[in-house]
PDB file of N, CA and C in Angstrom:
ATOM      1  N   PHE A   1    -156.658 -55.745 -59.103  1.00  0.00           N
ATOM      2  CA  PHE A   1    -155.627 -54.728 -58.991  1.00  0.00           C
ATOM      3  C   PHE A   1    -154.955 -54.515 -60.333  1.00  0.00           C
ATOM      4  N   ILE A   2    -154.484 -53.330 -60.545  1.00  0.00           N
ATOM      5  CA  ILE A   2    -153.607 -53.048 -61.671  1.00  0.00           C
ATOM      6  C   ILE A   2    -152.264 -52.686 -61.060  1.00  0.00           C
ATOM      7  N   ARG A   3    -151.212 -53.345 -61.519  1.00  0.00           N
ATOM      8  CA  ARG A   3    -149.853 -53.064 -61.046  1.00  0.00           C
ATOM      9  C   ARG A   3    -149.066 -52.483 -62.201  1.00  0.00           C
ATOM     10  N   ASN A   4    -148.301 -51.458 -61.899  1.00  0.00           N
ATOM     11  CA  ASN A   4    -147.528 -50.809 -62.949  1.00  0.00           C
ATOM     12  C   ASN A   4    -146.424 -49.985 -62.285  1.00  0.00           C
ATOM     13  N   GLU A   5    -145.692 -49.260 -63.090  1.00  0.00           N
ATOM     14  CA  GLU A   5    -144.697 -48.338 -62.548  1.00  0.00           C
ATOM     15  C   GLU A   5    -144.703 -47.070 -63.384  1.00  0.00           C
ATOM     16  N   CYS A   6    -144.258 -45.985 -62.767  1.00  0.00           N
ATOM     17  CA  CYS A   6    -144.171 -44.711 -63.474  1.00  0.00           C
ATOM     18  C   CYS A   6    -142.924 -43.976 -63.001  1.00  0.00           C
ATOM     19  N   LYS A   7    -142.461 -43.084 -63.843  1.00  0.00           N
ATOM     20  CA  LYS A   7    -141.293 -42.267 -63.529  1.00  0.00           C
ATOM     21  C   LYS A   7    -141.776 -40.946 -62.944  1.00  0.00           C
ATOM     22  N   CYS A   8    -141.217 -40.563 -61.813  1.00  0.00           N
ATOM     23  CA  CYS A   8    -141.572 -39.298 -61.183  1.00  0.00           C
ATOM     24  C   CYS A   8    -141.101 -38.155 -62.086  1.00  0.00           C
ATOM     25  N   LYS A   9    -142.004 -37.232 -62.383  1.00  0.00           N
ATOM     26  CA  LYS A   9    -141.632 -36.120 -63.264  1.00  0.00           C
ATOM     27  C   LYS A   9    -140.828 -35.057 -62.533  1.00  0.00           C
ATOM     28  N   TYR A  10    -140.685 -35.181 -61.220  1.00  0.00           N
ATOM     29  CA  TYR A  10    -139.932 -34.201 -60.437  1.00  0.00           C
ATOM     30  C   TYR A  10    -138.494 -34.642 -60.170  1.00  0.00           C
ATOM     31  N   CYS A  11    -138.322 -35.904 -59.704  1.00  0.00           N
ATOM     32  CA  CYS A  11    -136.971 -36.346 -59.344  1.00  0.00           C
ATOM     33  C   CYS A  11    -136.450 -37.475 -60.236  1.00  0.00           C
ATOM     34  N   GLY A  12    -137.308 -38.031 -61.093  1.00  0.00           N
ATOM     35  CA  GLY A  12    -136.875 -39.055 -62.039  1.00  0.00           C
ATOM     36  C   GLY A  12    -136.837 -40.474 -61.503  1.00  0.00           C
ATOM     37  N   SER A  13    -137.195 -40.695 -60.243  1.00  0.00           N
ATOM     38  CA  SER A  13    -137.162 -42.060 -59.703  1.00  0.00           C
ATOM     39  C   SER A  13    -138.348 -42.870 -60.234  1.00  0.00           C
ATOM     40  N   ILE A  14    -138.174 -44.181 -60.248  1.00  0.00           N
ATOM     41  CA  ILE A  14    -139.220 -45.094 -60.712  1.00  0.00           C
ATOM     42  C   ILE A  14    -140.022 -45.556 -59.501  1.00  0.00           C
ATOM     43  N   ASN A  15    -141.347 -45.421 -59.591  1.00  0.00           N
ATOM     44  CA  ASN A  15    -142.238 -45.817 -58.502  1.00  0.00           C
ATOM     45  C   ASN A  15    -143.161 -46.922 -58.978  1.00  0.00           C
ATOM     46  N   LYS A  16    -143.172 -48.039 -58.258  1.00  0.00           N
ATOM     47  CA  LYS A  16    -144.082 -49.136 -58.545  1.00  0.00           C
ATOM     48  C   LYS A  16    -145.358 -48.885 -57.744  1.00  0.00           C
ATOM     49  N   TYR A  17    -146.506 -49.061 -58.412  1.00  0.00           N
ATOM     50  CA  TYR A  17    -147.769 -48.776 -57.742  1.00  0.00           C
ATOM     51  C   TYR A  17    -148.821 -49.804 -58.120  1.00  0.00           C
ATOM     52  N   TYR A  18    -149.863 -49.852 -57.317  1.00  0.00           N
ATOM     53  CA  TYR A  18    -151.041 -50.643 -57.656  1.00  0.00           C
ATOM     54  C   TYR A  18    -152.277 -49.830 -57.297  1.00  0.00           C
ATOM     55  N   TRP A  19    -153.366 -50.136 -57.962  1.00  0.00           N
ATOM     56  CA  TRP A  19    -154.643 -49.529 -57.600  1.00  0.00           C
ATOM     57  C   TRP A  19    -155.751 -50.524 -57.858  1.00  0.00           C
ATOM     58  N   LEU A  20    -156.812 -50.398 -57.101  1.00  0.00           N
ATOM     59  CA  LEU A  20    -157.928 -51.318 -57.187  1.00  0.00           C
ATOM     60  C   LEU A  20    -158.807 -50.938 -58.359  1.00  0.00           C
ATOM     61  N   PHE A  21    -158.716 -51.720 -59.434  1.00  0.00           N
ATOM     62  CA  PHE A  21    -159.552 -51.489 -60.612  1.00  0.00           C
ATOM     63  C   PHE A  21    -160.952 -52.009 -60.290  1.00  0.00           C
ATOM     64  N   PRO A  22    -161.992 -51.232 -60.526  1.00  0.00           N
ATOM     65  CA  PRO A  22    -163.343 -51.621 -60.094  1.00  0.00           C
ATOM     66  C   PRO A  22    -163.997 -52.660 -61.005  1.00  0.00           C
ATOM     67  N   ASP A  23    -163.363 -53.840 -61.135  1.00  0.00           N
ATOM     68  CA  ASP A  23    -163.935 -54.901 -61.977  1.00  0.00           C
ATOM     69  C   ASP A  23    -164.425 -56.090 -61.157  1.00  0.00           C
ATOM     70  N   SER A  24    -164.494 -55.912 -59.833  1.00  0.00           N
ATOM     71  CA  SER A  24    -164.980 -56.934 -58.911  1.00  0.00           C
ATOM     72  C   SER A  24    -164.092 -58.163 -58.833  1.00  0.00           C
ATOM     73  N   LYS A  25    -162.873 -58.089 -59.333  1.00  0.00           N
ATOM     74  CA  LYS A  25    -161.925 -59.192 -59.208  1.00  0.00           C
ATOM     75  C   LYS A  25    -160.979 -58.869 -58.062  1.00  0.00           C
ATOM     76  N   PHE A  26    -160.616 -59.874 -57.293  1.00  0.00           N
ATOM     77  CA  PHE A  26    -159.741 -59.651 -56.150  1.00  0.00           C
ATOM     78  C   PHE A  26    -158.448 -60.412 -56.340  1.00  0.00           C
ATOM     79  N   GLU A  27    -157.363 -59.758 -56.065  1.00  0.00           N
ATOM     80  CA  GLU A  27    -156.044 -60.386 -56.073  1.00  0.00           C
ATOM     81  C   GLU A  27    -155.356 -60.055 -54.758  1.00  0.00           C
ATOM     82  N   ARG A  28    -154.314 -60.780 -54.467  1.00  0.00           N
ATOM     83  CA  ARG A  28    -153.528 -60.503 -53.278  1.00  0.00           C
ATOM     84  C   ARG A  28    -152.809 -59.161 -53.447  1.00  0.00           C
ATOM     85  N   VAL A  29    -152.748 -58.382 -52.397  1.00  0.00           N
ATOM     86  CA  VAL A  29    -152.066 -57.087 -52.436  1.00  0.00           C
ATOM     87  C   VAL A  29    -150.585 -57.329 -52.718  1.00  0.00           C
ATOM     88  N   PRO A  30    -149.995 -56.573 -53.654  1.00  0.00           N
ATOM     89  CA  PRO A  30    -148.572 -56.745 -53.967  1.00  0.00           C
ATOM     90  C   PRO A  30    -147.686 -56.488 -52.750  1.00  0.00           C
ATOM     91  N   ASN A  31    -146.440 -56.876 -52.857  1.00  0.00           N
ATOM     92  CA  ASN A  31    -145.501 -56.735 -51.737  1.00  0.00           C
ATOM     93  C   ASN A  31    -145.165 -55.267 -51.454  1.00  0.00           C
ATOM     94  N   ASP A  32    -144.300 -55.047 -50.484  1.00  0.00           N
ATOM     95  CA  ASP A  32    -143.995 -53.701 -49.994  1.00  0.00           C
ATOM     96  C   ASP A  32    -143.307 -52.783 -50.997  1.00  0.00           C
ATOM     97  N   GLU A  33    -142.763 -53.324 -52.090  1.00  0.00           N
ATOM     98  CA  GLU A  33    -142.120 -52.435 -53.055  1.00  0.00           C
ATOM     99  C   GLU A  33    -143.157 -51.659 -53.869  1.00  0.00           C
ATOM    100  N   TYR A  34    -144.426 -52.055 -53.793  1.00  0.00           N
ATOM    101  CA  TYR A  34    -145.504 -51.340 -54.479  1.00  0.00           C
ATOM    102  C   TYR A  34    -146.214 -50.430 -53.493  1.00  0.00           C
ATOM    103  N   THR A  35    -146.581 -49.243 -53.954  1.00  0.00           N
ATOM    104  CA  THR A  35    -147.330 -48.313 -53.126  1.00  0.00           C
ATOM    105  C   THR A  35    -148.757 -48.226 -53.656  1.00  0.00           C
ATOM    106  N   SER A  36    -149.686 -47.990 -52.770  1.00  0.00           N
ATOM    107  CA  SER A  36    -151.088 -47.871 -53.164  1.00  0.00           C
ATOM    108  C   SER A  36    -151.310 -46.504 -53.817  1.00  0.00           C
ATOM    109  N   ALA A  37    -152.002 -46.498 -54.940  1.00  0.00           N
ATOM    110  CA  ALA A  37    -152.298 -45.248 -55.647  1.00  0.00           C
ATOM    111  C   ALA A  37    -153.778 -44.914 -55.477  1.00  0.00           C
ATOM    112  N   GLU A  38    -154.086 -43.642 -55.491  1.00  0.00           N
ATOM    113  CA  GLU A  38    -155.462 -43.178 -55.401  1.00  0.00           C
ATOM    114  C   GLU A  38    -156.026 -42.989 -56.803  1.00  0.00           C
ATOM    115  N   SER A  39    -157.332 -43.205 -56.956  1.00  0.00           N
ATOM    116  CA  SER A  39    -157.924 -43.043 -58.287  1.00  0.00           C
ATOM    117  C   SER A  39    -159.204 -42.228 -58.223  1.00  0.00           C
ATOM    118  N   ASP A  40    -159.469 -41.523 -59.311  1.00  0.00           N
ATOM    119  CA  ASP A  40    -160.704 -40.778 -59.510  1.00  0.00           C
ATOM    120  C   ASP A  40    -161.197 -41.060 -60.909  1.00  0.00           C
ATOM    121  N   LYS A  41    -162.496 -41.225 -61.058  1.00  0.00           N
ATOM    122  CA  LYS A  41    -163.080 -41.412 -62.384  1.00  0.00           C
ATOM    123  C   LYS A  41    -163.517 -40.048 -62.895  1.00  0.00           C
ATOM    124  N   LEU A  42    -162.965 -39.661 -64.044  1.00  0.00           N
ATOM    125  CA  LEU A  42    -163.292 -38.373 -64.658  1.00  0.00           C
ATOM    126  C   LEU A  42    -163.873 -38.619 -66.040  1.00  0.00           C
ATOM    127  N   GLY A  43    -165.172 -38.588 -66.155  1.00  0.00           N
ATOM    128  CA  GLY A  43    -165.808 -38.806 -67.451  1.00  0.00           C
ATOM    129  C   GLY A  43    -165.502 -40.177 -67.998  1.00  0.00           C
ATOM    130  N   GLY A  44    -164.721 -40.235 -69.074  1.00  0.00           N
ATOM    131  CA  GLY A  44    -164.435 -41.486 -69.755  1.00  0.00           C
ATOM    132  C   GLY A  44    -163.103 -42.117 -69.417  1.00  0.00           C
ATOM    133  N   TYR A  45    -162.473 -41.737 -68.306  1.00  0.00           N
ATOM    134  CA  TYR A  45    -161.194 -42.344 -67.939  1.00  0.00           C
ATOM    135  C   TYR A  45    -160.956 -42.214 -66.438  1.00  0.00           C
ATOM    136  N   TYR A  46    -159.939 -42.935 -65.941  1.00  0.00           N
ATOM    137  CA  TYR A  46    -159.516 -42.865 -64.544  1.00  0.00           C
ATOM    138  C   TYR A  46    -158.218 -42.066 -64.450  1.00  0.00           C
ATOM    139  N   THR A  47    -158.122 -41.231 -63.445  1.00  0.00           N
ATOM    140  CA  THR A  47    -156.896 -40.512 -63.133  1.00  0.00           C
ATOM    141  C   THR A  47    -156.311 -41.136 -61.875  1.00  0.00           C
ATOM    142  N   ILE A  48    -155.073 -41.632 -61.978  1.00  0.00           N
ATOM    143  CA  ILE A  48    -154.403 -42.304 -60.884  1.00  0.00           C
ATOM    144  C   ILE A  48    -153.312 -41.389 -60.347  1.00  0.00           C
ATOM    145  N   SER A  49    -153.303 -41.169 -59.043  1.00  0.00           N
ATOM    146  CA  SER A  49    -152.303 -40.325 -58.389  1.00  0.00           C
ATOM    147  C   SER A  49    -151.309 -41.210 -57.660  1.00  0.00           C
ATOM    148  N   VAL A  50    -150.034 -41.119 -58.068  1.00  0.00           N
ATOM    149  CA  VAL A  50    -148.975 -41.939 -57.481  1.00  0.00           C
ATOM    150  C   VAL A  50    -148.028 -41.021 -56.716  1.00  0.00           C
ATOM    151  N   LYS A  51    -147.882 -41.275 -55.421  1.00  0.00           N
ATOM    152  CA  LYS A  51    -146.981 -40.475 -54.582  1.00  0.00           C
ATOM    153  C   LYS A  51    -145.576 -41.053 -54.660  1.00  0.00           C
ATOM    154  N   CYS A  52    -144.606 -40.221 -55.015  1.00  0.00           N
ATOM    155  CA  CYS A  52    -143.221 -40.650 -55.155  1.00  0.00           C
ATOM    156  C   CYS A  52    -142.652 -41.062 -53.799  1.00  0.00           C
ATOM    157  N   SER A  53    -141.957 -42.179 -53.776  1.00  0.00           N
ATOM    158  CA  SER A  53    -141.373 -42.677 -52.527  1.00  0.00           C
ATOM    159  C   SER A  53    -140.133 -41.890 -52.107  1.00  0.00           C
ATOM    160  N   LYS A  54    -139.548 -41.120 -53.022  1.00  0.00           N
ATOM    161  CA  LYS A  54    -138.344 -40.342 -52.684  1.00  0.00           C
ATOM    162  C   LYS A  54    -138.645 -38.888 -52.368  1.00  0.00           C
ATOM    163  N   CYS A  55    -139.410 -38.214 -53.239  1.00  0.00           N
ATOM    164  CA  CYS A  55    -139.623 -36.773 -53.050  1.00  0.00           C
ATOM    165  C   CYS A  55    -141.046 -36.412 -52.602  1.00  0.00           C
ATOM    166  N   ASN A  56    -141.931 -37.405 -52.500  1.00  0.00           N
ATOM    167  CA  ASN A  56    -143.316 -37.225 -52.047  1.00  0.00           C
ATOM    168  C   ASN A  56    -144.183 -36.363 -52.962  1.00  0.00           C
ATOM    169  N   GLN A  57    -143.740 -36.103 -54.181  1.00  0.00           N
ATOM    170  CA  GLN A  57    -144.559 -35.383 -55.151  1.00  0.00           C
ATOM    171  C   GLN A  57    -145.523 -36.372 -55.822  1.00  0.00           C
ATOM    172  N   ILE A  58    -146.576 -35.850 -56.419  1.00  0.00           N
ATOM    173  CA  ILE A  58    -147.598 -36.681 -57.052  1.00  0.00           C
ATOM    174  C   ILE A  58    -147.403 -36.691 -58.565  1.00  0.00           C
ATOM    175  N   THR A  59    -147.409 -37.901 -59.140  1.00  0.00           N
ATOM    176  CA  THR A  59    -147.402 -38.072 -60.587  1.00  0.00           C
ATOM    177  C   THR A  59    -148.759 -38.637 -60.990  1.00  0.00           C
ATOM    178  N   ILE A  60    -149.330 -38.114 -62.064  1.00  0.00           N
ATOM    179  CA  ILE A  60    -150.640 -38.537 -62.540  1.00  0.00           C
ATOM    180  C   ILE A  60    -150.471 -39.496 -63.708  1.00  0.00           C
ATOM    181  N   VAL A  61    -151.210 -40.611 -63.659  1.00  0.00           N
ATOM    182  CA  VAL A  61    -151.249 -41.588 -64.747  1.00  0.00           C
ATOM    183  C   VAL A  61    -152.713 -41.789 -65.092  1.00  0.00           C
ATOM    184  N   ASN A  62    -153.049 -41.807 -66.382  1.00  0.00           N
ATOM    185  CA  ASN A  62    -154.436 -41.970 -66.808  1.00  0.00           C
ATOM    186  C   ASN A  62    -154.667 -43.361 -67.393  1.00  0.00           C
ATOM    187  N   TYR A  63    -155.855 -43.907 -67.120  1.00  0.00           N
ATOM    188  CA  TYR A  63    -156.260 -45.215 -67.617  1.00  0.00           C
ATOM    189  C   TYR A  63    -157.638 -45.125 -68.256  1.00  0.00           C
ATOM    190  N   THR A  64    -157.863 -45.959 -69.265  1.00  0.00           N
ATOM    191  CA  THR A  64    -159.182 -46.060 -69.872  1.00  0.00           C
ATOM    192  C   THR A  64    -160.132 -46.766 -68.897  1.00  0.00           C
ATOM    193  N   LEU A  65    -161.402 -46.778 -69.206  1.00  0.00           N
ATOM    194  CA  LEU A  65    -162.371 -47.470 -68.369  1.00  0.00           C
ATOM    195  C   LEU A  65    -162.171 -48.991 -68.423  1.00  0.00           C
ATOM    196  N   ASN A  66    -161.401 -49.468 -69.406  1.00  0.00           N
ATOM    197  CA  ASN A  66    -161.086 -50.897 -69.507  1.00  0.00           C
ATOM    198  C   ASN A  66    -159.810 -51.263 -68.761  1.00  0.00           C
ATOM    199  N   GLY A  67    -159.154 -50.300 -68.142  1.00  0.00           N
ATOM    200  CA  GLY A  67    -157.950 -50.552 -67.364  1.00  0.00           C
ATOM    201  C   GLY A  67    -156.664 -50.528 -68.159  1.00  0.00           C
ATOM    202  N   GLU A  68    -156.681 -49.890 -69.326  1.00  0.00           N
ATOM    203  CA  GLU A  68    -155.472 -49.777 -70.142  1.00  0.00           C
ATOM    204  C   GLU A  68    -154.861 -48.393 -69.947  1.00  0.00           C
ATOM    205  N   GLU A  69    -153.548 -48.353 -69.749  1.00  0.00           N
ATOM    206  CA  GLU A  69    -152.873 -47.071 -69.538  1.00  0.00           C
ATOM    207  C   GLU A  69    -152.961 -46.194 -70.790  1.00  0.00           C
ATOM    208  N   ILE A  70    -153.262 -44.917 -70.587  1.00  0.00           N
ATOM    209  CA  ILE A  70    -153.287 -43.948 -71.676  1.00  0.00           C
ATOM    210  C   ILE A  70    -151.914 -43.293 -71.715  1.00  0.00           C
ATOM    211  N   GLU A  71    -151.210 -43.460 -72.812  1.00  0.00           N
ATOM    212  CA  GLU A  71    -149.836 -42.914 -72.930  1.00  0.00           C
ATOM    213  C   GLU A  71    -149.877 -41.421 -73.117  1.00  0.00           C
TER     214      GLU A  71
END
């Protein structure tokens, strides 16, 4: 899993999220303060969709194929 947080670009709240990085390693699912994020592989990077817990809008976070966040 990759655990991180992002700021909602719509309402400004901070959302903690996790997503299953496809490296065949398994960890325990984080506690309830983390929400599961959806991921898509687009060419040379992953696009992670995080649903805001307050306004339900989607914020996109990009990661390299090595699991490093792209700023």
